[in-house]
Amino acid sequence: RRMNYFSLFITFTLNSCSPDLNMVQSCGVKPPFDLTAVTLECKHGSKNLHIRRSQGDNPDDQDPMFKGRTSLIPQGNRTFTVTLTNVTKQDEGNYMVLFLFTC
């Protein structure tokens, strides 16, 4: 088996931060495919924001600064939502979502 992948880049910049601020990013993919059957890795630089495998979330590989503050939810075969709660100044920057699937 070969591991094939493609990536989607999500970027955002926060100009002002508040402990009550949440970041919610909805993303679409084409062509549609079963998002629950792949591995989704959301990264902030080299840090793992959230990892979701076909069996569910994998908090063991999550960077400690994001523990308890994230969700990554597939919504059908076309979209998913990444949520980061209680955003801080350290959360500013570029985010990337990597899709991993076997074929």
PDB file of N, CA and C in Angstrom:
ATOM      1  N   ARG A   1       0.831  -1.194   0.000  1.00  0.00           N
ATOM      2  CA  ARG A   1       0.000   0.000   0.000  1.00  0.00           C
ATOM      3  C   ARG A   1       0.868   1.248   0.000  1.00  0.00           C
ATOM      4  N   ARG A   2       0.397   2.198  -0.704  1.00  0.00           N
ATOM      5  CA  ARG A   2       1.085   3.465  -0.799  1.00  0.00           C
ATOM      6  C   ARG A   2       0.268   4.520  -0.061  1.00  0.00           C
ATOM      7  N   MET A   3       0.926   5.425   0.652  1.00  0.00           N
ATOM      8  CA  MET A   3       0.220   6.511   1.325  1.00  0.00           C
ATOM      9  C   MET A   3       0.247   7.719   0.400  1.00  0.00           C
ATOM     10  N   ASN A   4      -0.908   8.156  -0.051  1.00  0.00           N
ATOM     11  CA  ASN A   4      -1.025   9.354  -0.864  1.00  0.00           C
ATOM     12  C   ASN A   4      -1.625  10.446  -0.002  1.00  0.00           C
ATOM     13  N   TYR A   5      -1.337  11.695  -0.318  1.00  0.00           N
ATOM     14  CA  TYR A   5      -1.885  12.788   0.460  1.00  0.00           C
ATOM     15  C   TYR A   5      -2.052  14.027  -0.401  1.00  0.00           C
ATOM     16  N   PHE A   6      -2.886  14.912   0.052  1.00  0.00           N
ATOM     17  CA  PHE A   6      -2.944  16.247  -0.507  1.00  0.00           C
ATOM     18  C   PHE A   6      -3.193  17.186   0.655  1.00  0.00           C
ATOM     19  N   SER A   7      -2.907  18.448   0.475  1.00  0.00           N
ATOM     20  CA  SER A   7      -3.038  19.378   1.587  1.00  0.00           C
ATOM     21  C   SER A   7      -3.877  20.583   1.195  1.00  0.00           C
ATOM     22  N   LEU A   8      -4.458  21.190   2.197  1.00  0.00           N
ATOM     23  CA  LEU A   8      -5.237  22.396   2.052  1.00  0.00           C
ATOM     24  C   LEU A   8      -4.677  23.379   3.065  1.00  0.00           C
ATOM     25  N   PHE A   9      -4.370  24.576   2.627  1.00  0.00           N
ATOM     26  CA  PHE A   9      -3.817  25.565   3.535  1.00  0.00           C
ATOM     27  C   PHE A   9      -4.916  26.484   4.042  1.00  0.00           C
ATOM     28  N   ILE A  10      -4.939  26.662   5.349  1.00  0.00           N
ATOM     29  CA  ILE A  10      -5.861  27.591   5.991  1.00  0.00           C
ATOM     30  C   ILE A  10      -4.987  28.658   6.637  1.00  0.00           C
ATOM     31  N   THR A  11      -5.187  29.899   6.274  1.00  0.00           N
ATOM     32  CA  THR A  11      -4.392  30.952   6.896  1.00  0.00           C
ATOM     33  C   THR A  11      -5.309  31.999   7.510  1.00  0.00           C
ATOM     34  N   PHE A  12      -4.876  32.528   8.638  1.00  0.00           N
ATOM     35  CA  PHE A  12      -5.584  33.636   9.251  1.00  0.00           C
ATOM     36  C   PHE A  12      -4.628  34.376  10.163  1.00  0.00           C
ATOM     37  N   THR A  13      -4.914  35.644  10.382  1.00  0.00           N
ATOM     38  CA  THR A  13      -4.135  36.470  11.292  1.00  0.00           C
ATOM     39  C   THR A  13      -5.096  37.131  12.268  1.00  0.00           C
ATOM     40  N   LEU A  14      -4.748  37.096  13.527  1.00  0.00           N
ATOM     41  CA  LEU A  14      -5.558  37.751  14.553  1.00  0.00           C
ATOM     42  C   LEU A  14      -4.916  39.081  14.897  1.00  0.00           C
ATOM     43  N   ASN A  15      -5.686  40.170  14.800  1.00  0.00           N
ATOM     44  CA  ASN A  15      -5.148  41.492  15.110  1.00  0.00           C
ATOM     45  C   ASN A  15      -5.292  41.843  16.581  1.00  0.00           C
ATOM     46  N   SER A  16      -6.346  41.371  17.212  1.00  0.00           N
ATOM     47  CA  SER A  16      -6.522  41.595  18.648  1.00  0.00           C
ATOM     48  C   SER A  16      -7.036  40.301  19.261  1.00  0.00           C
ATOM     49  N   CYS A  17      -6.570  40.005  20.436  1.00  0.00           N
ATOM     50  CA  CYS A  17      -6.920  38.735  21.069  1.00  0.00           C
ATOM     51  C   CYS A  17      -7.676  38.982  22.366  1.00  0.00           C
ATOM     52  N   SER A  18      -8.603  38.114  22.636  1.00  0.00           N
ATOM     53  CA  SER A  18      -9.392  38.150  23.856  1.00  0.00           C
ATOM     54  C   SER A  18      -9.577  36.716  24.325  1.00  0.00           C
ATOM     55  N   PRO A  19      -9.569  36.464  25.626  1.00  0.00           N
ATOM     56  CA  PRO A  19      -9.744  35.100  26.115  1.00  0.00           C
ATOM     57  C   PRO A  19     -11.062  34.475  25.671  1.00  0.00           C
ATOM     58  N   ASP A  20     -12.035  35.299  25.294  1.00  0.00           N
ATOM     59  CA  ASP A  20     -13.340  34.783  24.877  1.00  0.00           C
ATOM     60  C   ASP A  20     -13.433  34.544  23.374  1.00  0.00           C
ATOM     61  N   LEU A  21     -12.398  34.888  22.626  1.00  0.00           N
ATOM     62  CA  LEU A  21     -12.431  34.784  21.171  1.00  0.00           C
ATOM     63  C   LEU A  21     -12.238  33.340  20.726  1.00  0.00           C
ATOM     64  N   ASN A  22     -13.045  32.900  19.767  1.00  0.00           N
ATOM     65  CA  ASN A  22     -12.909  31.570  19.178  1.00  0.00           C
ATOM     66  C   ASN A  22     -12.676  31.713  17.685  1.00  0.00           C
ATOM     67  N   MET A  23     -11.887  30.814  17.115  1.00  0.00           N
ATOM     68  CA  MET A  23     -11.669  30.766  15.679  1.00  0.00           C
ATOM     69  C   MET A  23     -12.418  29.554  15.151  1.00  0.00           C
ATOM     70  N   VAL A  24     -13.311  29.771  14.185  1.00  0.00           N
ATOM     71  CA  VAL A  24     -14.041  28.682  13.545  1.00  0.00           C
ATOM     72  C   VAL A  24     -13.804  28.808  12.052  1.00  0.00           C
ATOM     73  N   GLN A  25     -13.212  27.784  11.453  1.00  0.00           N
ATOM     74  CA  GLN A  25     -12.897  27.793  10.025  1.00  0.00           C
ATOM     75  C   GLN A  25     -13.593  26.614   9.363  1.00  0.00           C
ATOM     76  N   SER A  26     -14.489  26.901   8.430  1.00  0.00           N
ATOM     77  CA  SER A  26     -15.159  25.849   7.673  1.00  0.00           C
ATOM     78  C   SER A  26     -14.458  25.721   6.330  1.00  0.00           C
ATOM     79  N   CYS A  27     -14.158  24.494   5.924  1.00  0.00           N
ATOM     80  CA  CYS A  27     -13.406  24.250   4.695  1.00  0.00           C
ATOM     81  C   CYS A  27     -14.140  23.250   3.820  1.00  0.00           C
ATOM     82  N   GLY A  28     -14.075  23.466   2.522  1.00  0.00           N
ATOM     83  CA  GLY A  28     -14.690  22.546   1.573  1.00  0.00           C
ATOM     84  C   GLY A  28     -13.633  21.846   0.745  1.00  0.00           C
ATOM     85  N   VAL A  29     -13.932  20.644   0.286  1.00  0.00           N
ATOM     86  CA  VAL A  29     -12.998  19.884  -0.553  1.00  0.00           C
ATOM     87  C   VAL A  29     -13.710  19.416  -1.818  1.00  0.00           C
ATOM     88  N   LYS A  30     -12.959  19.369  -2.921  1.00  0.00           N
ATOM     89  CA  LYS A  30     -13.449  18.849  -4.200  1.00  0.00           C
ATOM     90  C   LYS A  30     -12.371  17.968  -4.785  1.00  0.00           C
ATOM     91  N   PRO A  31     -12.674  16.846  -5.359  1.00  0.00           N
ATOM     92  CA  PRO A  31     -14.004  16.246  -5.403  1.00  0.00           C
ATOM     93  C   PRO A  31     -14.390  15.734  -4.020  1.00  0.00           C
ATOM     94  N   PRO A  32     -15.676  15.523  -3.774  1.00  0.00           N
ATOM     95  CA  PRO A  32     -16.102  15.028  -2.462  1.00  0.00           C
ATOM     96  C   PRO A  32     -15.616  13.607  -2.219  1.00  0.00           C
ATOM     97  N   PHE A  33     -15.273  13.305  -0.979  1.00  0.00           N
ATOM     98  CA  PHE A  33     -14.907  11.951  -0.578  1.00  0.00           C
ATOM     99  C   PHE A  33     -15.207  11.794   0.893  1.00  0.00           C
ATOM    100  N   ASP A  34     -15.151  10.583   1.384  1.00  0.00           N
ATOM    101  CA  ASP A  34     -15.517  10.291   2.766  1.00  0.00           C
ATOM    102  C   ASP A  34     -14.466  10.846   3.722  1.00  0.00           C
ATOM    103  N   LEU A  35     -14.735  12.001   4.304  1.00  0.00           N
ATOM    104  CA  LEU A  35     -13.786  12.640   5.214  1.00  0.00           C
ATOM    105  C   LEU A  35     -13.608  11.864   6.512  1.00  0.00           C
ATOM    106  N   THR A  36     -14.553  10.992   6.847  1.00  0.00           N
ATOM    107  CA  THR A  36     -14.415  10.212   8.081  1.00  0.00           C
ATOM    108  C   THR A  36     -13.467   9.034   7.894  1.00  0.00           C
ATOM    109  N   ALA A  37     -13.074   8.730   6.652  1.00  0.00           N
ATOM    110  CA  ALA A  37     -12.211   7.572   6.379  1.00  0.00           C
ATOM    111  C   ALA A  37     -10.753   7.956   6.187  1.00  0.00           C
ATOM    112  N   VAL A  38     -10.413   9.222   6.345  1.00  0.00           N
ATOM    113  CA  VAL A  38      -9.037   9.669   6.142  1.00  0.00           C
ATOM    114  C   VAL A  38      -8.485  10.230   7.447  1.00  0.00           C
ATOM    115  N   THR A  39      -7.181  10.484   7.451  1.00  0.00           N
ATOM    116  CA  THR A  39      -6.555  11.181   8.570  1.00  0.00           C
ATOM    117  C   THR A  39      -6.478  12.658   8.227  1.00  0.00           C
ATOM    118  N   LEU A  40      -6.950  13.500   9.132  1.00  0.00           N
ATOM    119  CA  LEU A  40      -6.875  14.947   8.971  1.00  0.00           C
ATOM    120  C   LEU A  40      -5.922  15.471  10.035  1.00  0.00           C
ATOM    121  N   GLU A  41      -4.864  16.147   9.610  1.00  0.00           N
ATOM    122  CA  GLU A  41      -3.900  16.735  10.543  1.00  0.00           C
ATOM    123  C   GLU A  41      -3.930  18.244  10.370  1.00  0.00           C
ATOM    124  N   CYS A  42      -4.284  18.945  11.417  1.00  0.00           N
ATOM    125  CA  CYS A  42      -4.270  20.402  11.395  1.00  0.00           C
ATOM    126  C   CYS A  42      -3.045  20.865  12.176  1.00  0.00           C
ATOM    127  N   LYS A  43      -2.214  21.684  11.524  1.00  0.00           N
ATOM    128  CA  LYS A  43      -0.946  22.102  12.125  1.00  0.00           C
ATOM    129  C   LYS A  43      -0.837  23.619  12.187  1.00  0.00           C
ATOM    130  N   HIS A  44      -0.141  24.085  13.206  1.00  0.00           N
ATOM    131  CA  HIS A  44       0.245  25.488  13.347  1.00  0.00           C
ATOM    132  C   HIS A  44       1.764  25.481  13.355  1.00  0.00           C
ATOM    133  N   GLY A  45       2.369  25.755  12.197  1.00  0.00           N
ATOM    134  CA  GLY A  45       3.813  25.562  12.062  1.00  0.00           C
ATOM    135  C   GLY A  45       4.119  24.084  12.217  1.00  0.00           C
ATOM    136  N   SER A  46       5.027  23.747  13.125  1.00  0.00           N
ATOM    137  CA  SER A  46       5.366  22.337  13.359  1.00  0.00           C
ATOM    138  C   SER A  46       4.521  21.714  14.478  1.00  0.00           C
ATOM    139  N   LYS A  47       3.646  22.507  15.090  1.00  0.00           N
ATOM    140  CA  LYS A  47       2.835  22.017  16.214  1.00  0.00           C
ATOM    141  C   LYS A  47       1.531  21.405  15.711  1.00  0.00           C
ATOM    142  N   ASN A  48       1.152  20.289  16.310  1.00  0.00           N
ATOM    143  CA  ASN A  48      -0.114  19.637  15.970  1.00  0.00           C
ATOM    144  C   ASN A  48      -1.256  20.318  16.714  1.00  0.00           C
ATOM    145  N   LEU A  49      -2.096  21.002  15.961  1.00  0.00           N
ATOM    146  CA  LEU A  49      -3.281  21.627  16.534  1.00  0.00           C
ATOM    147  C   LEU A  49      -4.321  20.554  16.845  1.00  0.00           C
ATOM    148  N   HIS A  50      -4.576  19.683  15.864  1.00  0.00           N
ATOM    149  CA  HIS A  50      -5.589  18.638  16.038  1.00  0.00           C
ATOM    150  C   HIS A  50      -5.343  17.537  15.020  1.00  0.00           C
ATOM    151  N   ILE A  51      -5.464  16.284  15.445  1.00  0.00           N
ATOM    152  CA  ILE A  51      -5.338  15.144  14.538  1.00  0.00           C
ATOM    153  C   ILE A  51      -6.583  14.283  14.694  1.00  0.00           C
ATOM    154  N   ARG A  52      -7.192  13.978  13.555  1.00  0.00           N
ATOM    155  CA  ARG A  52      -8.385  13.119  13.549  1.00  0.00           C
ATOM    156  C   ARG A  52      -8.152  11.980  12.575  1.00  0.00           C
ATOM    157  N   ARG A  53      -8.180  10.776  13.092  1.00  0.00           N
ATOM    158  CA  ARG A  53      -8.056   9.593  12.259  1.00  0.00           C
ATOM    159  C   ARG A  53      -9.444   8.996  12.056  1.00  0.00           C
ATOM    160  N   SER A  54      -9.547   7.992  11.197  1.00  0.00           N
ATOM    161  CA  SER A  54     -10.865   7.409  10.903  1.00  0.00           C
ATOM    162  C   SER A  54     -11.552   6.893  12.168  1.00  0.00           C
ATOM    163  N   GLN A  55     -10.772   6.520  13.177  1.00  0.00           N
ATOM    164  CA  GLN A  55     -11.346   6.027  14.432  1.00  0.00           C
ATOM    165  C   GLN A  55     -11.784   7.165  15.351  1.00  0.00           C
ATOM    166  N   GLY A  56     -11.409   8.395  15.053  1.00  0.00           N
ATOM    167  CA  GLY A  56     -11.779   9.533  15.891  1.00  0.00           C
ATOM    168  C   GLY A  56     -10.575  10.404  16.197  1.00  0.00           C
ATOM    169  N   ASP A  57     -10.745  11.319  17.137  1.00  0.00           N
ATOM    170  CA  ASP A  57      -9.681  12.251  17.502  1.00  0.00           C
ATOM    171  C   ASP A  57      -8.518  11.525  18.161  1.00  0.00           C
ATOM    172  N   ASN A  58      -7.318  12.079  17.976  1.00  0.00           N
ATOM    173  CA  ASN A  58      -6.110  11.502  18.558  1.00  0.00           C
ATOM    174  C   ASN A  58      -5.420  12.562  19.418  1.00  0.00           C
ATOM    175  N   PRO A  59      -5.879  12.768  20.659  1.00  0.00           N
ATOM    176  CA  PRO A  59      -5.311  13.811  21.512  1.00  0.00           C
ATOM    177  C   PRO A  59      -3.885  13.529  21.979  1.00  0.00           C
ATOM    178  N   ASP A  60      -3.423  12.283  21.899  1.00  0.00           N
ATOM    179  CA  ASP A  60      -2.068  11.958  22.356  1.00  0.00           C
ATOM    180  C   ASP A  60      -0.996  12.674  21.544  1.00  0.00           C
ATOM    181  N   ASP A  61      -1.266  12.957  20.265  1.00  0.00           N
ATOM    182  CA  ASP A  61      -0.284  13.620  19.406  1.00  0.00           C
ATOM    183  C   ASP A  61      -0.480  15.127  19.335  1.00  0.00           C
ATOM    184  N   GLN A  62      -1.397  15.660  20.117  1.00  0.00           N
ATOM    185  CA  GLN A  62      -1.696  17.088  20.087  1.00  0.00           C
ATOM    186  C   GLN A  62      -0.687  17.866  20.924  1.00  0.00           C
ATOM    187  N   ASP A  63      -0.275  19.038  20.430  1.00  0.00           N
ATOM    188  CA  ASP A  63       0.629  19.899  21.184  1.00  0.00           C
ATOM    189  C   ASP A  63      -0.074  20.356  22.467  1.00  0.00           C
ATOM    190  N   PRO A  64       0.636  20.360  23.604  1.00  0.00           N
ATOM    191  CA  PRO A  64       0.011  20.730  24.884  1.00  0.00           C
ATOM    192  C   PRO A  64      -0.661  22.103  24.878  1.00  0.00           C
ATOM    193  N   MET A  65      -0.157  23.055  24.085  1.00  0.00           N
ATOM    194  CA  MET A  65      -0.757  24.396  24.094  1.00  0.00           C
ATOM    195  C   MET A  65      -2.170  24.419  23.508  1.00  0.00           C
ATOM    196  N   PHE A  66      -2.554  23.351  22.792  1.00  0.00           N
ATOM    197  CA  PHE A  66      -3.883  23.291  22.184  1.00  0.00           C
ATOM    198  C   PHE A  66      -4.837  22.325  22.893  1.00  0.00           C
ATOM    199  N   LYS A  67      -4.342  21.576  23.876  1.00  0.00           N
ATOM    200  CA  LYS A  67      -5.170  20.563  24.557  1.00  0.00           C
ATOM    201  C   LYS A  67      -6.436  21.189  25.136  1.00  0.00           C
ATOM    202  N   GLY A  68      -7.568  20.547  24.837  1.00  0.00           N
ATOM    203  CA  GLY A  68      -8.845  20.997  25.363  1.00  0.00           C
ATOM    204  C   GLY A  68      -9.429  22.219  24.678  1.00  0.00           C
ATOM    205  N   ARG A  69      -8.773  22.707  23.607  1.00  0.00           N
ATOM    206  CA  ARG A  69      -9.246  23.932  22.949  1.00  0.00           C
ATOM    207  C   ARG A  69      -9.647  23.728  21.493  1.00  0.00           C
ATOM    208  N   THR A  70      -9.614  22.497  20.982  1.00  0.00           N
ATOM    209  CA  THR A  70      -9.832  22.299  19.550  1.00  0.00           C
ATOM    210  C   THR A  70     -10.894  21.251  19.245  1.00  0.00           C
ATOM    211  N   SER A  71     -11.438  21.366  18.048  1.00  0.00           N
ATOM    212  CA  SER A  71     -12.256  20.296  17.476  1.00  0.00           C
ATOM    213  C   SER A  71     -12.069  20.335  15.967  1.00  0.00           C
ATOM    214  N   LEU A  72     -12.189  19.182  15.351  1.00  0.00           N
ATOM    215  CA  LEU A  72     -12.121  19.054  13.897  1.00  0.00           C
ATOM    216  C   LEU A  72     -13.241  18.089  13.525  1.00  0.00           C
ATOM    217  N   ILE A  73     -14.279  18.620  12.903  1.00  0.00           N
ATOM    218  CA  ILE A  73     -15.494  17.840  12.681  1.00  0.00           C
ATOM    219  C   ILE A  73     -15.814  17.736  11.197  1.00  0.00           C
ATOM    220  N   PRO A  74     -15.751  16.518  10.622  1.00  0.00           N
ATOM    221  CA  PRO A  74     -16.199  16.325   9.238  1.00  0.00           C
ATOM    222  C   PRO A  74     -17.717  16.516   9.163  1.00  0.00           C
ATOM    223  N   GLN A  75     -18.164  17.175   8.098  1.00  0.00           N
ATOM    224  CA  GLN A  75     -19.593  17.404   7.897  1.00  0.00           C
ATOM    225  C   GLN A  75     -19.959  16.881   6.511  1.00  0.00           C
ATOM    226  N   GLY A  76     -20.246  15.600   6.430  1.00  0.00           N
ATOM    227  CA  GLY A  76     -20.551  14.996   5.137  1.00  0.00           C
ATOM    228  C   GLY A  76     -19.285  14.724   4.349  1.00  0.00           C
ATOM    229  N   ASN A  77     -19.404  14.711   3.027  1.00  0.00           N
ATOM    230  CA  ASN A  77     -18.274  14.379   2.157  1.00  0.00           C
ATOM    231  C   ASN A  77     -17.601  15.595   1.543  1.00  0.00           C
ATOM    232  N   ARG A  78     -18.035  16.785   1.886  1.00  0.00           N
ATOM    233  CA  ARG A  78     -17.479  17.967   1.237  1.00  0.00           C
ATOM    234  C   ARG A  78     -16.846  18.979   2.185  1.00  0.00           C
ATOM    235  N   THR A  79     -17.275  19.032   3.418  1.00  0.00           N
ATOM    236  CA  THR A  79     -16.775  20.077   4.307  1.00  0.00           C
ATOM    237  C   THR A  79     -16.396  19.527   5.682  1.00  0.00           C
ATOM    238  N   PHE A  80     -15.577  20.301   6.371  1.00  0.00           N
ATOM    239  CA  PHE A  80     -15.241  20.030   7.761  1.00  0.00           C
ATOM    240  C   PHE A  80     -15.027  21.366   8.440  1.00  0.00           C
ATOM    241  N   THR A  81     -15.110  21.368   9.762  1.00  0.00           N
ATOM    242  CA  THR A  81     -14.933  22.587  10.538  1.00  0.00           C
ATOM    243  C   THR A  81     -13.822  22.387  11.556  1.00  0.00           C
ATOM    244  N   VAL A  82     -12.899  23.357  11.594  1.00  0.00           N
ATOM    245  CA  VAL A  82     -11.831  23.394  12.594  1.00  0.00           C
ATOM    246  C   VAL A  82     -12.182  24.513  13.569  1.00  0.00           C
ATOM    247  N   THR A  83     -12.181  24.202  14.863  1.00  0.00           N
ATOM    248  CA  THR A  83     -12.474  25.208  15.882  1.00  0.00           C
ATOM    249  C   THR A  83     -11.330  25.266  16.880  1.00  0.00           C
ATOM    250  N   LEU A  84     -10.916  26.487  17.209  1.00  0.00           N
ATOM    251  CA  LEU A  84      -9.915  26.742  18.251  1.00  0.00           C
ATOM    252  C   LEU A  84     -10.538  27.744  19.208  1.00  0.00           C
ATOM    253  N   THR A  85     -10.666  27.363  20.478  1.00  0.00           N
ATOM    254  CA  THR A  85     -11.300  28.237  21.463  1.00  0.00           C
ATOM    255  C   THR A  85     -10.255  28.952  22.309  1.00  0.00           C
ATOM    256  N   ASN A  86     -10.697  30.027  22.969  1.00  0.00           N
ATOM    257  CA  ASN A  86      -9.829  30.820  23.854  1.00  0.00           C
ATOM    258  C   ASN A  86      -8.519  31.186  23.166  1.00  0.00           C
ATOM    259  N   VAL A  87      -8.637  31.824  22.006  1.00  0.00           N
ATOM    260  CA  VAL A  87      -7.475  32.184  21.193  1.00  0.00           C
ATOM    261  C   VAL A  87      -6.582  33.164  21.948  1.00  0.00           C
ATOM    262  N   THR A  88      -5.269  32.962  21.829  1.00  0.00           N
ATOM    263  CA  THR A  88      -4.275  33.831  22.450  1.00  0.00           C
ATOM    264  C   THR A  88      -3.354  34.406  21.377  1.00  0.00           C
ATOM    265  N   LYS A  89      -2.504  35.319  21.764  1.00  0.00           N
ATOM    266  CA  LYS A  89      -1.535  35.928  20.846  1.00  0.00           C
ATOM    267  C   LYS A  89      -0.639  34.856  20.219  1.00  0.00           C
ATOM    268  N   GLN A  90      -0.298  33.810  20.971  1.00  0.00           N
ATOM    269  CA  GLN A  90       0.559  32.730  20.463  1.00  0.00           C
ATOM    270  C   GLN A  90      -0.119  31.927  19.348  1.00  0.00           C
ATOM    271  N   ASP A  91      -1.435  32.046  19.214  1.00  0.00           N
ATOM    272  CA  ASP A  91      -2.166  31.305  18.185  1.00  0.00           C
ATOM    273  C   ASP A  91      -2.136  31.995  16.822  1.00  0.00           C
ATOM    274  N   GLU A  92      -1.638  33.231  16.757  1.00  0.00           N
ATOM    275  CA  GLU A  92      -1.574  33.931  15.478  1.00  0.00           C
ATOM    276  C   GLU A  92      -0.679  33.186  14.504  1.00  0.00           C
ATOM    277  N   GLY A  93      -1.006  33.284  13.228  1.00  0.00           N
ATOM    278  CA  GLY A  93      -0.132  32.706  12.216  1.00  0.00           C
ATOM    279  C   GLY A  93      -0.862  31.848  11.214  1.00  0.00           C
ATOM    280  N   ASN A  94      -0.094  31.062  10.495  1.00  0.00           N
ATOM    281  CA  ASN A  94      -0.614  30.229   9.420  1.00  0.00           C
ATOM    282  C   ASN A  94      -0.928  28.823   9.912  1.00  0.00           C
ATOM    283  N   TYR A  95      -2.012  28.289   9.412  1.00  0.00           N
ATOM    284  CA  TYR A  95      -2.453  26.938   9.744  1.00  0.00           C
ATOM    285  C   TYR A  95      -2.571  26.131   8.466  1.00  0.00           C
ATOM    286  N   MET A  96      -2.284  24.837   8.569  1.00  0.00           N
ATOM    287  CA  MET A  96      -2.367  23.947   7.423  1.00  0.00           C
ATOM    288  C   MET A  96      -3.133  22.700   7.835  1.00  0.00           C
ATOM    289  N   VAL A  97      -4.003  22.232   6.949  1.00  0.00           N
ATOM    290  CA  VAL A  97      -4.672  20.951   7.162  1.00  0.00           C
ATOM    291  C   VAL A  97      -4.158  19.988   6.116  1.00  0.00           C
ATOM    292  N   LEU A  98      -3.681  18.836   6.567  1.00  0.00           N
ATOM    293  CA  LEU A  98      -3.145  17.805   5.687  1.00  0.00           C
ATOM    294  C   LEU A  98      -4.097  16.620   5.702  1.00  0.00           C
ATOM    295  N   PHE A  99      -4.475  16.149   4.522  1.00  0.00           N
ATOM    296  CA  PHE A  99      -5.345  14.986   4.364  1.00  0.00           C
ATOM    297  C   PHE A  99      -4.469  13.805   3.985  1.00  0.00           C
ATOM    298  N   LEU A 100      -4.535  12.710   4.727  1.00  0.00           N
ATOM    299  CA  LEU A 100      -3.761  11.506   4.426  1.00  0.00           C
ATOM    300  C   LEU A 100      -4.718  10.360   4.160  1.00  0.00           C
ATOM    301  N   PHE A 101      -4.507   9.675   3.054  1.00  0.00           N
ATOM    302  CA  PHE A 101      -5.347   8.526   2.745  1.00  0.00           C
ATOM    303  C   PHE A 101      -4.519   7.467   2.048  1.00  0.00           C
ATOM    304  N   THR A 102      -4.938   6.213   2.165  1.00  0.00           N
ATOM    305  CA  THR A 102      -4.221   5.080   1.593  1.00  0.00           C
ATOM    306  C   THR A 102      -4.917   4.626   0.326  1.00  0.00           C
ATOM    307  N   CYS A 103      -4.111   4.349  -0.698  1.00  0.00           N
ATOM    308  CA  CYS A 103      -4.695   3.788  -1.924  1.00  0.00           C
ATOM    309  C   CYS A 103      -3.731   2.806  -2.552  1.00  0.00           C
TER     310      CYS A 103
END
